[in-house]
PDB file of N, CA and C in Angstrom:
ATOM      1  N   MET A   1     -22.930 -15.842 -38.089  1.00  0.00           N
ATOM      2  CA  MET A   1     -24.131 -15.359 -38.739  1.00  0.00           C
ATOM      3  C   MET A   1     -25.142 -14.974 -37.678  1.00  0.00           C
ATOM      4  N   GLN A   2     -25.688 -13.797 -37.801  1.00  0.00           N
ATOM      5  CA  GLN A   2     -26.711 -13.327 -36.880  1.00  0.00           C
ATOM      6  C   GLN A   2     -28.081 -13.545 -37.502  1.00  0.00           C
ATOM      7  N   ILE A   3     -28.974 -14.140 -36.756  1.00  0.00           N
ATOM      8  CA  ILE A   3     -30.333 -14.353 -37.228  1.00  0.00           C
ATOM      9  C   ILE A   3     -31.215 -13.288 -36.606  1.00  0.00           C
ATOM     10  N   SER A   4     -31.848 -12.510 -37.442  1.00  0.00           N
ATOM     11  CA  SER A   4     -32.735 -11.452 -36.966  1.00  0.00           C
ATOM     12  C   SER A   4     -34.120 -12.033 -36.739  1.00  0.00           C
ATOM     13  N   LEU A   5     -34.631 -11.886 -35.531  1.00  0.00           N
ATOM     14  CA  LEU A   5     -35.957 -12.417 -35.248  1.00  0.00           C
ATOM     15  C   LEU A   5     -37.043 -11.654 -35.991  1.00  0.00           C
ATOM     16  N   THR A   6     -36.763 -10.420 -36.405  1.00  0.00           N
ATOM     17  CA  THR A   6     -37.757  -9.682 -37.187  1.00  0.00           C
ATOM     18  C   THR A   6     -37.904 -10.297 -38.569  1.00  0.00           C
ATOM     19  N   GLY A   7     -36.844 -10.934 -39.056  1.00  0.00           N
ATOM     20  CA  GLY A   7     -36.887 -11.601 -40.352  1.00  0.00           C
ATOM     21  C   GLY A   7     -37.409 -13.022 -40.262  1.00  0.00           C
ATOM     22  N   GLU A   8     -37.625 -13.500 -39.069  1.00  0.00           N
ATOM     23  CA  GLU A   8     -38.119 -14.857 -38.843  1.00  0.00           C
ATOM     24  C   GLU A   8     -39.402 -14.776 -38.021  1.00  0.00           C
ATOM     25  N   PRO A   9     -40.543 -14.484 -38.664  1.00  0.00           N
ATOM     26  CA  PRO A   9     -41.782 -14.261 -37.919  1.00  0.00           C
ATOM     27  C   PRO A   9     -42.217 -15.450 -37.069  1.00  0.00           C
ATOM     28  N   VAL A  10     -41.941 -16.671 -37.519  1.00  0.00           N
ATOM     29  CA  VAL A  10     -42.341 -17.835 -36.727  1.00  0.00           C
ATOM     30  C   VAL A  10     -41.566 -17.870 -35.420  1.00  0.00           C
ATOM     31  N   LEU A  11     -40.255 -17.591 -35.487  1.00  0.00           N
ATOM     32  CA  LEU A  11     -39.458 -17.550 -34.265  1.00  0.00           C
ATOM     33  C   LEU A  11     -39.963 -16.467 -33.326  1.00  0.00           C
ATOM     34  N   ARG A  12     -40.231 -15.297 -33.891  1.00  0.00           N
ATOM     35  CA  ARG A  12     -40.672 -14.168 -33.076  1.00  0.00           C
ATOM     36  C   ARG A  12     -42.013 -14.477 -32.414  1.00  0.00           C
ATOM     37  N   LEU A  13     -42.953 -15.038 -33.164  1.00  0.00           N
ATOM     38  CA  LEU A  13     -44.284 -15.315 -32.627  1.00  0.00           C
ATOM     39  C   LEU A  13     -44.277 -16.427 -31.588  1.00  0.00           C
ATOM     40  N   THR A  14     -43.396 -17.411 -31.750  1.00  0.00           N
ATOM     41  CA  THR A  14     -43.339 -18.507 -30.785  1.00  0.00           C
ATOM     42  C   THR A  14     -42.449 -18.181 -29.601  1.00  0.00           C
ATOM     43  N   GLY A  15     -41.702 -17.088 -29.690  1.00  0.00           N
ATOM     44  CA  GLY A  15     -40.837 -16.694 -28.586  1.00  0.00           C
ATOM     45  C   GLY A  15     -39.521 -17.443 -28.551  1.00  0.00           C
ATOM     46  N   LEU A  16     -39.193 -18.164 -29.626  1.00  0.00           N
ATOM     47  CA  LEU A  16     -37.924 -18.887 -29.669  1.00  0.00           C
ATOM     48  C   LEU A  16     -36.776 -17.924 -29.915  1.00  0.00           C
ATOM     49  N   SER A  17     -35.639 -18.268 -29.393  1.00  0.00           N
ATOM     50  CA  SER A  17     -34.437 -17.476 -29.591  1.00  0.00           C
ATOM     51  C   SER A  17     -33.586 -18.127 -30.671  1.00  0.00           C
ATOM     52  N   ALA A  18     -32.935 -17.319 -31.470  1.00  0.00           N
ATOM     53  CA  ALA A  18     -32.049 -17.853 -32.503  1.00  0.00           C
ATOM     54  C   ALA A  18     -30.899 -18.638 -31.883  1.00  0.00           C
ATOM     55  N   ALA A  19     -30.509 -18.296 -30.657  1.00  0.00           N
ATOM     56  CA  ALA A  19     -29.411 -18.997 -29.985  1.00  0.00           C
ATOM     57  C   ALA A  19     -29.771 -20.447 -29.694  1.00  0.00           C
ATOM     58  N   THR A  20     -31.054 -20.769 -29.626  1.00  0.00           N
ATOM     59  CA  THR A  20     -31.468 -22.147 -29.353  1.00  0.00           C
ATOM     60  C   THR A  20     -31.544 -22.982 -30.618  1.00  0.00           C
ATOM     61  N   LEU A  21     -31.195 -22.383 -31.747  1.00  0.00           N
ATOM     62  CA  LEU A  21     -31.288 -23.077 -33.027  1.00  0.00           C
ATOM     63  C   LEU A  21     -29.924 -23.139 -33.715  1.00  0.00           C
ATOM     64  N   PRO A  22     -28.977 -23.929 -33.165  1.00  0.00           N
ATOM     65  CA  PRO A  22     -27.632 -23.965 -33.741  1.00  0.00           C
ATOM     66  C   PRO A  22     -27.608 -24.483 -35.172  1.00  0.00           C
ATOM     67  N   HIS A  23     -28.614 -25.243 -35.564  1.00  0.00           N
ATOM     68  CA  HIS A  23     -28.630 -25.759 -36.934  1.00  0.00           C
ATOM     69  C   HIS A  23     -28.871 -24.657 -37.954  1.00  0.00           C
ATOM     70  N   MET A  24     -29.274 -23.459 -37.515  1.00  0.00           N
ATOM     71  CA  MET A  24     -29.499 -22.356 -38.448  1.00  0.00           C
ATOM     72  C   MET A  24     -28.247 -21.504 -38.636  1.00  0.00           C
ATOM     73  N   ASP A  25     -27.172 -21.845 -37.940  1.00  0.00           N
ATOM     74  CA  ASP A  25     -25.932 -21.079 -38.037  1.00  0.00           C
ATOM     75  C   ASP A  25     -25.077 -21.655 -39.164  1.00  0.00           C
ATOM     76  N   TYR A  26     -25.273 -21.177 -40.358  1.00  0.00           N
ATOM     77  CA  TYR A  26     -24.514 -21.659 -41.511  1.00  0.00           C
ATOM     78  C   TYR A  26     -24.183 -20.494 -42.426  1.00  0.00           C
ATOM     79  N   GLU A  27     -23.221 -20.711 -43.285  1.00  0.00           N
ATOM     80  CA  GLU A  27     -22.791 -19.691 -44.228  1.00  0.00           C
ATOM     81  C   GLU A  27     -22.864 -20.260 -45.637  1.00  0.00           C
ATOM     82  N   VAL A  28     -22.871 -19.394 -46.618  1.00  0.00           N
ATOM     83  CA  VAL A  28     -22.938 -19.819 -48.015  1.00  0.00           C
ATOM     84  C   VAL A  28     -21.536 -20.191 -48.497  1.00  0.00           C
ATOM     85  N   ALA A  29     -21.435 -21.275 -49.233  1.00  0.00           N
ATOM     86  CA  ALA A  29     -20.159 -21.718 -49.793  1.00  0.00           C
ATOM     87  C   ALA A  29     -20.135 -21.391 -51.286  1.00  0.00           C
ATOM     88  N   GLY A  30     -19.093 -20.684 -51.721  1.00  0.00           N
ATOM     89  CA  GLY A  30     -19.022 -20.246 -53.108  1.00  0.00           C
ATOM     90  C   GLY A  30     -18.149 -21.092 -54.007  1.00  0.00           C
ATOM     91  N   THR A  31     -17.152 -21.768 -53.453  1.00  0.00           N
ATOM     92  CA  THR A  31     -16.240 -22.579 -54.258  1.00  0.00           C
ATOM     93  C   THR A  31     -16.278 -24.021 -53.753  1.00  0.00           C
ATOM     94  N   PRO A  32     -15.771 -24.967 -54.546  1.00  0.00           N
ATOM     95  CA  PRO A  32     -15.749 -26.359 -54.074  1.00  0.00           C
ATOM     96  C   PRO A  32     -14.988 -26.527 -52.747  1.00  0.00           C
ATOM     97  N   ALA A  33     -13.896 -25.796 -52.571  1.00  0.00           N
ATOM     98  CA  ALA A  33     -13.130 -25.899 -51.324  1.00  0.00           C
ATOM     99  C   ALA A  33     -13.944 -25.353 -50.149  1.00  0.00           C
ATOM    100  N   GLN A  34     -14.634 -24.228 -50.374  1.00  0.00           N
ATOM    101  CA  GLN A  34     -15.479 -23.671 -49.316  1.00  0.00           C
ATOM    102  C   GLN A  34     -16.642 -24.612 -49.021  1.00  0.00           C
ATOM    103  N   ARG A  35     -17.149 -25.258 -50.058  1.00  0.00           N
ATOM    104  CA  ARG A  35     -18.250 -26.214 -49.883  1.00  0.00           C
ATOM    105  C   ARG A  35     -17.808 -27.371 -49.002  1.00  0.00           C
ATOM    106  N   LYS A  36     -16.580 -27.860 -49.209  1.00  0.00           N
ATOM    107  CA  LYS A  36     -16.047 -28.960 -48.391  1.00  0.00           C
ATOM    108  C   LYS A  36     -15.933 -28.533 -46.939  1.00  0.00           C
ATOM    109  N   VAL A  37     -15.394 -27.343 -46.702  1.00  0.00           N
ATOM    110  CA  VAL A  37     -15.264 -26.831 -45.333  1.00  0.00           C
ATOM    111  C   VAL A  37     -16.649 -26.668 -44.713  1.00  0.00           C
ATOM    112  N   TRP A  38     -17.591 -26.120 -45.492  1.00  0.00           N
ATOM    113  CA  TRP A  38     -18.957 -25.918 -45.012  1.00  0.00           C
ATOM    114  C   TRP A  38     -19.608 -27.253 -44.671  1.00  0.00           C
ATOM    115  N   GLN A  39     -19.454 -28.253 -45.545  1.00  0.00           N
ATOM    116  CA  GLN A  39     -20.054 -29.565 -45.308  1.00  0.00           C
ATOM    117  C   GLN A  39     -19.455 -30.218 -44.074  1.00  0.00           C
ATOM    118  N   ASP A  40     -18.138 -30.088 -43.882  1.00  0.00           N
ATOM    119  CA  ASP A  40     -17.501 -30.629 -42.683  1.00  0.00           C
ATOM    120  C   ASP A  40     -18.064 -29.967 -41.429  1.00  0.00           C
ATOM    121  N   LYS A  41     -18.268 -28.648 -41.494  1.00  0.00           N
ATOM    122  CA  LYS A  41     -18.821 -27.912 -40.350  1.00  0.00           C
ATOM    123  C   LYS A  41     -20.251 -28.373 -40.052  1.00  0.00           C
ATOM    124  N   ILE A  42     -21.065 -28.537 -41.092  1.00  0.00           N
ATOM    125  CA  ILE A  42     -22.445 -28.991 -40.913  1.00  0.00           C
ATOM    126  C   ILE A  42     -22.471 -30.415 -40.362  1.00  0.00           C
ATOM    127  N   ASP A  43     -21.596 -31.279 -40.867  1.00  0.00           N
ATOM    128  CA  ASP A  43     -21.516 -32.652 -40.366  1.00  0.00           C
ATOM    129  C   ASP A  43     -21.131 -32.674 -38.891  1.00  0.00           C
ATOM    130  N   GLN A  44     -20.183 -31.818 -38.504  1.00  0.00           N
ATOM    131  CA  GLN A  44     -19.763 -31.743 -37.111  1.00  0.00           C
ATOM    132  C   GLN A  44     -20.912 -31.255 -36.228  1.00  0.00           C
ATOM    133  N   GLN A  45     -21.625 -30.231 -36.691  1.00  0.00           N
ATOM    134  CA  GLN A  45     -22.764 -29.732 -35.919  1.00  0.00           C
ATOM    135  C   GLN A  45     -23.837 -30.808 -35.792  1.00  0.00           C
ATOM    136  N   GLY A  46     -24.069 -31.564 -36.860  1.00  0.00           N
ATOM    137  CA  GLY A  46     -25.042 -32.652 -36.819  1.00  0.00           C
ATOM    138  C   GLY A  46     -24.638 -33.723 -35.821  1.00  0.00           C
ATOM    139  N   ALA A  47     -23.361 -34.071 -35.805  1.00  0.00           N
ATOM    140  CA  ALA A  47     -22.869 -35.070 -34.857  1.00  0.00           C
ATOM    141  C   ALA A  47     -23.025 -34.585 -33.420  1.00  0.00           C
ATOM    142  N   GLU A  48     -22.755 -33.299 -33.187  1.00  0.00           N
ATOM    143  CA  GLU A  48     -22.914 -32.740 -31.844  1.00  0.00           C
ATOM    144  C   GLU A  48     -24.379 -32.760 -31.415  1.00  0.00           C
ATOM    145  N   LEU A  49     -25.281 -32.424 -32.327  1.00  0.00           N
ATOM    146  CA  LEU A  49     -26.711 -32.449 -32.007  1.00  0.00           C
ATOM    147  C   LEU A  49     -27.188 -33.871 -31.735  1.00  0.00           C
ATOM    148  N   LYS A  50     -26.696 -34.844 -32.514  1.00  0.00           N
ATOM    149  CA  LYS A  50     -27.056 -36.242 -32.276  1.00  0.00           C
ATOM    150  C   LYS A  50     -26.546 -36.700 -30.919  1.00  0.00           C
ATOM    151  N   ALA A  51     -25.328 -36.293 -30.560  1.00  0.00           N
ATOM    152  CA  ALA A  51     -24.751 -36.672 -29.272  1.00  0.00           C
ATOM    153  C   ALA A  51     -25.554 -36.097 -28.111  1.00  0.00           C
ATOM    154  N   ARG A  52     -26.143 -34.927 -28.320  1.00  0.00           N
ATOM    155  CA  ARG A  52     -26.959 -34.294 -27.279  1.00  0.00           C
ATOM    156  C   ARG A  52     -28.399 -34.790 -27.304  1.00  0.00           C
ATOM    157  N   GLY A  53     -28.725 -35.652 -28.270  1.00  0.00           N
ATOM    158  CA  GLY A  53     -30.068 -36.201 -28.368  1.00  0.00           C
ATOM    159  C   GLY A  53     -31.080 -35.257 -28.985  1.00  0.00           C
ATOM    160  N   LEU A  54     -30.595 -34.223 -29.677  1.00  0.00           N
ATOM    161  CA  LEU A  54     -31.493 -33.244 -30.275  1.00  0.00           C
ATOM    162  C   LEU A  54     -31.784 -33.531 -31.739  1.00  0.00           C
ATOM    163  N   LEU A  55     -31.102 -34.526 -32.295  1.00  0.00           N
ATOM    164  CA  LEU A  55     -31.274 -34.874 -33.702  1.00  0.00           C
ATOM    165  C   LEU A  55     -31.214 -36.387 -33.806  1.00  0.00           C
ATOM    166  N   SER A  56     -32.129 -36.956 -34.566  1.00  0.00           N
ATOM    167  CA  SER A  56     -32.125 -38.420 -34.669  1.00  0.00           C
ATOM    168  C   SER A  56     -31.553 -38.879 -35.986  1.00  0.00           C
TER     169      SER A  56
END
């Protein structure tokens, strides 16, 4: 998923890059099976952020 900084005025105004925000990299899940895969991916990203000390 590409995050457009023009669509995110706060990011653009603060000078933040979308690449520094891995928690914003998600996709929509349409079925229960896709939801499970999506939730597993989000859980994995959360665990990685916690391991790096970026999420408490």
